[in-house]
Amino acid sequence: MIRTCQPDKKTFVSHSVPIPQCCPVSGNPLPGSKLTVCYIPNAIVFPVEDLAAFVSEYVGGRREIRGMEEMVQELAVRVRDVVSVPVRAFADLVIQPPYGGEHQTMRVAARAAA
Protein backbone atom coordinates (compact mmCIF):
# COMPACT_ATOMS: atom_id res chain seq x y z
CA MET A 1 0.00 0.00 0.00
CA ILE A 2 1.44 3.37 -1.00
CA ARG A 3 1.01 6.13 1.55
CA THR A 4 1.16 9.80 0.76
CA CYS A 5 2.00 12.98 2.60
CA GLN A 6 1.51 16.64 1.83
CA PRO A 7 4.43 17.62 -0.41
CA ASP A 8 4.24 21.29 0.58
CA LYS A 9 5.20 20.46 4.19
CA LYS A 10 8.88 19.53 4.57
CA THR A 11 9.09 16.10 6.17
CA PHE A 12 11.93 13.73 6.97
CA VAL A 13 11.13 10.01 7.02
CA SER A 14 13.29 7.29 8.54
CA HIS A 15 12.40 3.58 8.75
CA SER A 16 14.44 0.98 10.66
CA VAL A 17 14.05 -2.79 10.69
CA PRO A 18 16.12 -5.65 12.09
CA ILE A 19 18.22 -7.58 9.59
CA PRO A 20 18.00 -11.35 10.09
CA GLN A 21 20.88 -13.71 9.39
CA CYS A 22 21.13 -13.70 5.59
CA CYS A 23 24.28 -15.63 4.70
CA PRO A 24 23.81 -19.41 4.81
CA VAL A 25 27.59 -19.89 5.08
CA SER A 26 28.75 -17.37 7.69
CA GLY A 27 25.45 -16.84 9.50
CA ASN A 28 26.01 -13.08 9.21
CA PRO A 29 24.72 -10.67 10.13
CA LEU A 30 24.14 -11.56 13.75
CA PRO A 31 21.16 -10.55 15.91
CA GLY A 32 21.22 -6.86 16.76
CA SER A 33 21.83 -5.81 13.15
CA LYS A 34 19.46 -3.29 11.60
CA LEU A 35 18.76 -1.40 8.40
CA THR A 36 17.62 2.22 8.29
CA VAL A 37 16.43 4.05 5.19
CA CYS A 38 15.77 7.78 5.19
CA TYR A 39 14.59 10.38 2.72
CA ILE A 40 12.62 13.58 2.30
CA PRO A 41 9.36 12.56 0.59
CA ASN A 42 7.87 14.57 -2.20
CA ALA A 43 4.46 12.96 -1.84
CA ILE A 44 4.95 9.20 -1.48
CA VAL A 45 5.90 7.60 1.83
CA PHE A 46 7.40 4.13 1.70
CA PRO A 47 5.21 1.60 3.55
CA VAL A 48 7.18 0.56 6.62
CA GLU A 49 5.86 -3.01 6.45
CA ASP A 50 7.36 -3.36 2.95
CA LEU A 51 10.88 -2.67 4.22
CA ALA A 52 10.84 -5.78 6.42
CA ALA A 53 9.51 -7.79 3.47
CA PHE A 54 12.26 -6.44 1.19
CA VAL A 55 14.96 -7.36 3.73
CA SER A 56 13.57 -10.87 4.21
CA GLU A 57 14.09 -11.55 0.49
CA TYR A 58 17.86 -11.64 1.12
CA VAL A 59 17.76 -14.47 3.68
CA GLY A 60 19.71 -17.38 2.22
CA GLY A 61 21.08 -15.26 -0.62
CA ARG A 62 19.49 -13.37 -3.48
CA ARG A 63 20.54 -13.73 -7.11
CA GLU A 64 24.05 -12.33 -7.49
CA ILE A 65 23.94 -10.39 -4.21
CA ARG A 66 26.38 -12.00 -1.78
CA GLY A 67 27.73 -9.20 0.35
CA MET A 68 25.99 -7.02 2.89
CA GLU A 69 27.35 -3.97 1.09
CA GLU A 70 25.60 -4.96 -2.13
CA MET A 71 22.39 -5.73 -0.26
CA VAL A 72 22.32 -2.25 1.29
CA GLN A 73 23.03 -0.65 -2.08
CA GLU A 74 20.25 -2.59 -3.76
CA LEU A 75 17.78 -1.85 -0.97
CA ALA A 76 18.49 1.89 -1.26
CA VAL A 77 17.73 1.70 -4.99
CA ARG A 78 14.57 -0.35 -4.47
CA VAL A 79 13.18 2.11 -1.92
CA ARG A 80 14.16 5.04 -4.16
CA ASP A 81 12.24 3.43 -7.02
CA VAL A 82 9.08 3.47 -4.88
CA VAL A 83 9.35 6.97 -3.40
CA SER A 84 10.98 8.69 -6.43
CA VAL A 85 13.36 10.80 -4.34
CA PRO A 86 16.98 10.26 -3.23
CA VAL A 87 17.31 7.67 -0.45
CA ARG A 88 20.07 6.93 2.04
CA ALA A 89 20.34 3.48 3.54
CA PHE A 90 22.44 2.55 6.57
CA ALA A 91 23.04 -0.92 7.92
CA ASP A 92 24.46 -1.30 11.41
CA LEU A 93 25.74 -4.85 11.37
CA VAL A 94 27.02 -7.24 14.00
CA ILE A 95 29.22 -9.75 12.23
CA GLN A 96 31.34 -12.76 13.01
CA PRO A 97 34.66 -12.53 11.14
CA PRO A 98 35.14 -15.48 8.77
CA TYR A 99 38.27 -16.73 10.52
CA GLY A 100 37.04 -16.41 14.08
CA GLY A 101 37.72 -13.82 16.72
CA GLU A 102 35.48 -11.38 18.50
CA HIS A 103 32.25 -10.15 16.96
CA GLN A 104 32.65 -6.88 15.13
CA THR A 105 30.32 -4.07 14.23
CA MET A 106 30.23 -2.62 10.79
CA ARG A 107 28.26 0.27 9.26
CA VAL A 108 27.46 0.21 5.58
CA ALA A 109 25.93 3.31 4.00
CA ALA A 110 24.59 3.70 0.47
CA ARG A 111 22.88 6.50 -1.38
CA ALA A 112 20.50 6.15 -4.32
CA ALA A 113 20.05 9.37 -6.26
CA ALA A 114 16.76 10.21 -7.94
C-alpha atoms as a PDB file:
ATOM      1  CA  MET A   1       0.000   0.000   0.000  1.00  0.00           C
ATOM      2  CA  ILE A   2       1.439   3.369  -1.001  1.00  0.00           C
ATOM      3  CA  ARG A   3       1.013   6.128   1.550  1.00  0.00           C
ATOM      4  CA  THR A   4       1.157   9.802   0.759  1.00  0.00           C
ATOM      5  CA  CYS A   5       1.998  12.981   2.601  1.00  0.00           C
ATOM      6  CA  GLN A   6       1.508  16.638   1.835  1.00  0.00           C
ATOM      7  CA  PRO A   7       4.431  17.617  -0.412  1.00  0.00           C
ATOM      8  CA  ASP A   8       4.242  21.286   0.577  1.00  0.00           C
ATOM      9  CA  LYS A   9       5.205  20.456   4.191  1.00  0.00           C
ATOM     10  CA  LYS A  10       8.881  19.529   4.574  1.00  0.00           C
ATOM     11  CA  THR A  11       9.090  16.096   6.165  1.00  0.00           C
ATOM     12  CA  PHE A  12      11.934  13.725   6.967  1.00  0.00           C
ATOM     13  CA  VAL A  13      11.134  10.009   7.024  1.00  0.00           C
ATOM     14  CA  SER A  14      13.292   7.287   8.542  1.00  0.00           C
ATOM     15  CA  HIS A  15      12.405   3.578   8.753  1.00  0.00           C
ATOM     16  CA  SER A  16      14.439   0.976  10.664  1.00  0.00           C
ATOM     17  CA  VAL A  17      14.050  -2.786  10.688  1.00  0.00           C
ATOM     18  CA  PRO A  18      16.122  -5.645  12.092  1.00  0.00           C
ATOM     19  CA  ILE A  19      18.217  -7.583   9.594  1.00  0.00           C
ATOM     20  CA  PRO A  20      18.003 -11.346  10.089  1.00  0.00           C
ATOM     21  CA  GLN A  21      20.878 -13.712   9.393  1.00  0.00           C
ATOM     22  CA  CYS A  22      21.129 -13.698   5.595  1.00  0.00           C
ATOM     23  CA  CYS A  23      24.283 -15.634   4.696  1.00  0.00           C
ATOM     24  CA  PRO A  24      23.808 -19.405   4.809  1.00  0.00           C
ATOM     25  CA  VAL A  25      27.590 -19.890   5.075  1.00  0.00           C
ATOM     26  CA  SER A  26      28.747 -17.368   7.689  1.00  0.00           C
ATOM     27  CA  GLY A  27      25.453 -16.840   9.496  1.00  0.00           C
ATOM     28  CA  ASN A  28      26.010 -13.084   9.211  1.00  0.00           C
ATOM     29  CA  PRO A  29      24.722 -10.665  10.127  1.00  0.00           C
ATOM     30  CA  LEU A  30      24.138 -11.562  13.753  1.00  0.00           C
ATOM     31  CA  PRO A  31      21.155 -10.554  15.911  1.00  0.00           C
ATOM     32  CA  GLY A  32      21.216  -6.857  16.760  1.00  0.00           C
ATOM     33  CA  SER A  33      21.833  -5.812  13.147  1.00  0.00           C
ATOM     34  CA  LYS A  34      19.457  -3.288  11.598  1.00  0.00           C
ATOM     35  CA  LEU A  35      18.759  -1.397   8.396  1.00  0.00           C
ATOM     36  CA  THR A  36      17.624   2.220   8.289  1.00  0.00           C
ATOM     37  CA  VAL A  37      16.432   4.051   5.187  1.00  0.00           C
ATOM     38  CA  CYS A  38      15.766   7.783   5.195  1.00  0.00           C
ATOM     39  CA  TYR A  39      14.594  10.375   2.720  1.00  0.00           C
ATOM     40  CA  ILE A  40      12.621  13.585   2.298  1.00  0.00           C
ATOM     41  CA  PRO A  41       9.365  12.562   0.595  1.00  0.00           C
ATOM     42  CA  ASN A  42       7.874  14.570  -2.203  1.00  0.00           C
ATOM     43  CA  ALA A  43       4.460  12.958  -1.842  1.00  0.00           C
ATOM     44  CA  ILE A  44       4.948   9.198  -1.483  1.00  0.00           C
ATOM     45  CA  VAL A  45       5.898   7.605   1.829  1.00  0.00           C
ATOM     46  CA  PHE A  46       7.400   4.126   1.697  1.00  0.00           C
ATOM     47  CA  PRO A  47       5.212   1.604   3.546  1.00  0.00           C
ATOM     48  CA  VAL A  48       7.176   0.558   6.625  1.00  0.00           C
ATOM     49  CA  GLU A  49       5.864  -3.011   6.446  1.00  0.00           C
ATOM     50  CA  ASP A  50       7.364  -3.357   2.955  1.00  0.00           C
ATOM     51  CA  LEU A  51      10.876  -2.668   4.219  1.00  0.00           C
ATOM     52  CA  ALA A  52      10.843  -5.783   6.416  1.00  0.00           C
ATOM     53  CA  ALA A  53       9.513  -7.785   3.465  1.00  0.00           C
ATOM     54  CA  PHE A  54      12.264  -6.443   1.188  1.00  0.00           C
ATOM     55  CA  VAL A  55      14.962  -7.363   3.734  1.00  0.00           C
ATOM     56  CA  SER A  56      13.566 -10.872   4.208  1.00  0.00           C
ATOM     57  CA  GLU A  57      14.089 -11.547   0.495  1.00  0.00           C
ATOM     58  CA  TYR A  58      17.857 -11.640   1.125  1.00  0.00           C
ATOM     59  CA  VAL A  59      17.759 -14.469   3.680  1.00  0.00           C
ATOM     60  CA  GLY A  60      19.708 -17.377   2.222  1.00  0.00           C
ATOM     61  CA  GLY A  61      21.085 -15.255  -0.617  1.00  0.00           C
ATOM     62  CA  ARG A  62      19.487 -13.372  -3.483  1.00  0.00           C
ATOM     63  CA  ARG A  63      20.545 -13.731  -7.109  1.00  0.00           C
ATOM     64  CA  GLU A  64      24.047 -12.330  -7.495  1.00  0.00           C
ATOM     65  CA  ILE A  65      23.939 -10.391  -4.211  1.00  0.00           C
ATOM     66  CA  ARG A  66      26.376 -12.004  -1.783  1.00  0.00           C
ATOM     67  CA  GLY A  67      27.734  -9.200   0.348  1.00  0.00           C
ATOM     68  CA  MET A  68      25.990  -7.022   2.888  1.00  0.00           C
ATOM     69  CA  GLU A  69      27.346  -3.967   1.089  1.00  0.00           C
ATOM     70  CA  GLU A  70      25.597  -4.960  -2.131  1.00  0.00           C
ATOM     71  CA  MET A  71      22.390  -5.733  -0.262  1.00  0.00           C
ATOM     72  CA  VAL A  72      22.320  -2.252   1.293  1.00  0.00           C
ATOM     73  CA  GLN A  73      23.029  -0.650  -2.081  1.00  0.00           C
ATOM     74  CA  GLU A  74      20.249  -2.591  -3.761  1.00  0.00           C
ATOM     75  CA  LEU A  75      17.775  -1.848  -0.973  1.00  0.00           C
ATOM     76  CA  ALA A  76      18.487   1.888  -1.264  1.00  0.00           C
ATOM     77  CA  VAL A  77      17.730   1.702  -4.987  1.00  0.00           C
ATOM     78  CA  ARG A  78      14.567  -0.354  -4.474  1.00  0.00           C
ATOM     79  CA  VAL A  79      13.179   2.111  -1.919  1.00  0.00           C
ATOM     80  CA  ARG A  80      14.164   5.036  -4.158  1.00  0.00           C
ATOM     81  CA  ASP A  81      12.239   3.431  -7.019  1.00  0.00           C
ATOM     82  CA  VAL A  82       9.083   3.471  -4.881  1.00  0.00           C
ATOM     83  CA  VAL A  83       9.352   6.971  -3.397  1.00  0.00           C
ATOM     84  CA  SER A  84      10.976   8.687  -6.425  1.00  0.00           C
ATOM     85  CA  VAL A  85      13.365  10.798  -4.337  1.00  0.00           C
ATOM     86  CA  PRO A  86      16.975  10.263  -3.228  1.00  0.00           C
ATOM     87  CA  VAL A  87      17.307   7.672  -0.455  1.00  0.00           C
ATOM     88  CA  ARG A  88      20.072   6.931   2.040  1.00  0.00           C
ATOM     89  CA  ALA A  89      20.344   3.479   3.540  1.00  0.00           C
ATOM     90  CA  PHE A  90      22.442   2.547   6.572  1.00  0.00           C
ATOM     91  CA  ALA A  91      23.036  -0.921   7.919  1.00  0.00           C
ATOM     92  CA  ASP A  92      24.458  -1.302  11.408  1.00  0.00           C
ATOM     93  CA  LEU A  93      25.739  -4.855  11.370  1.00  0.00           C
ATOM     94  CA  VAL A  94      27.016  -7.242  14.001  1.00  0.00           C
ATOM     95  CA  ILE A  95      29.224  -9.754  12.227  1.00  0.00           C
ATOM     96  CA  GLN A  96      31.337 -12.761  13.006  1.00  0.00           C
ATOM     97  CA  PRO A  97      34.662 -12.526  11.141  1.00  0.00           C
ATOM     98  CA  PRO A  98      35.138 -15.484   8.766  1.00  0.00           C
ATOM     99  CA  TYR A  99      38.267 -16.727  10.523  1.00  0.00           C
ATOM    100  CA  GLY A 100      37.036 -16.408  14.078  1.00  0.00           C
ATOM    101  CA  GLY A 101      37.716 -13.823  16.722  1.00  0.00           C
ATOM    102  CA  GLU A 102      35.477 -11.379  18.498  1.00  0.00           C
ATOM    103  CA  HIS A 103      32.250 -10.145  16.956  1.00  0.00           C
ATOM    104  CA  GLN A 104      32.646  -6.878  15.126  1.00  0.00           C
ATOM    105  CA  THR A 105      30.319  -4.073  14.231  1.00  0.00           C
ATOM    106  CA  MET A 106      30.229  -2.617  10.786  1.00  0.00           C
ATOM    107  CA  ARG A 107      28.262   0.266   9.262  1.00  0.00           C
ATOM    108  CA  VAL A 108      27.456   0.210   5.582  1.00  0.00           C
ATOM    109  CA  ALA A 109      25.929   3.308   3.999  1.00  0.00           C
ATOM    110  CA  ALA A 110      24.589   3.702   0.471  1.00  0.00           C
ATOM    111  CA  ARG A 111      22.885   6.499  -1.383  1.00  0.00           C
ATOM    112  CA  ALA A 112      20.501   6.148  -4.316  1.00  0.00           C
ATOM    113  CA  ALA A 113      20.051   9.370  -6.257  1.00  0.00           C
ATOM    114  CA  ALA A 114      16.756  10.208  -7.943  1.00  0.00           C
END
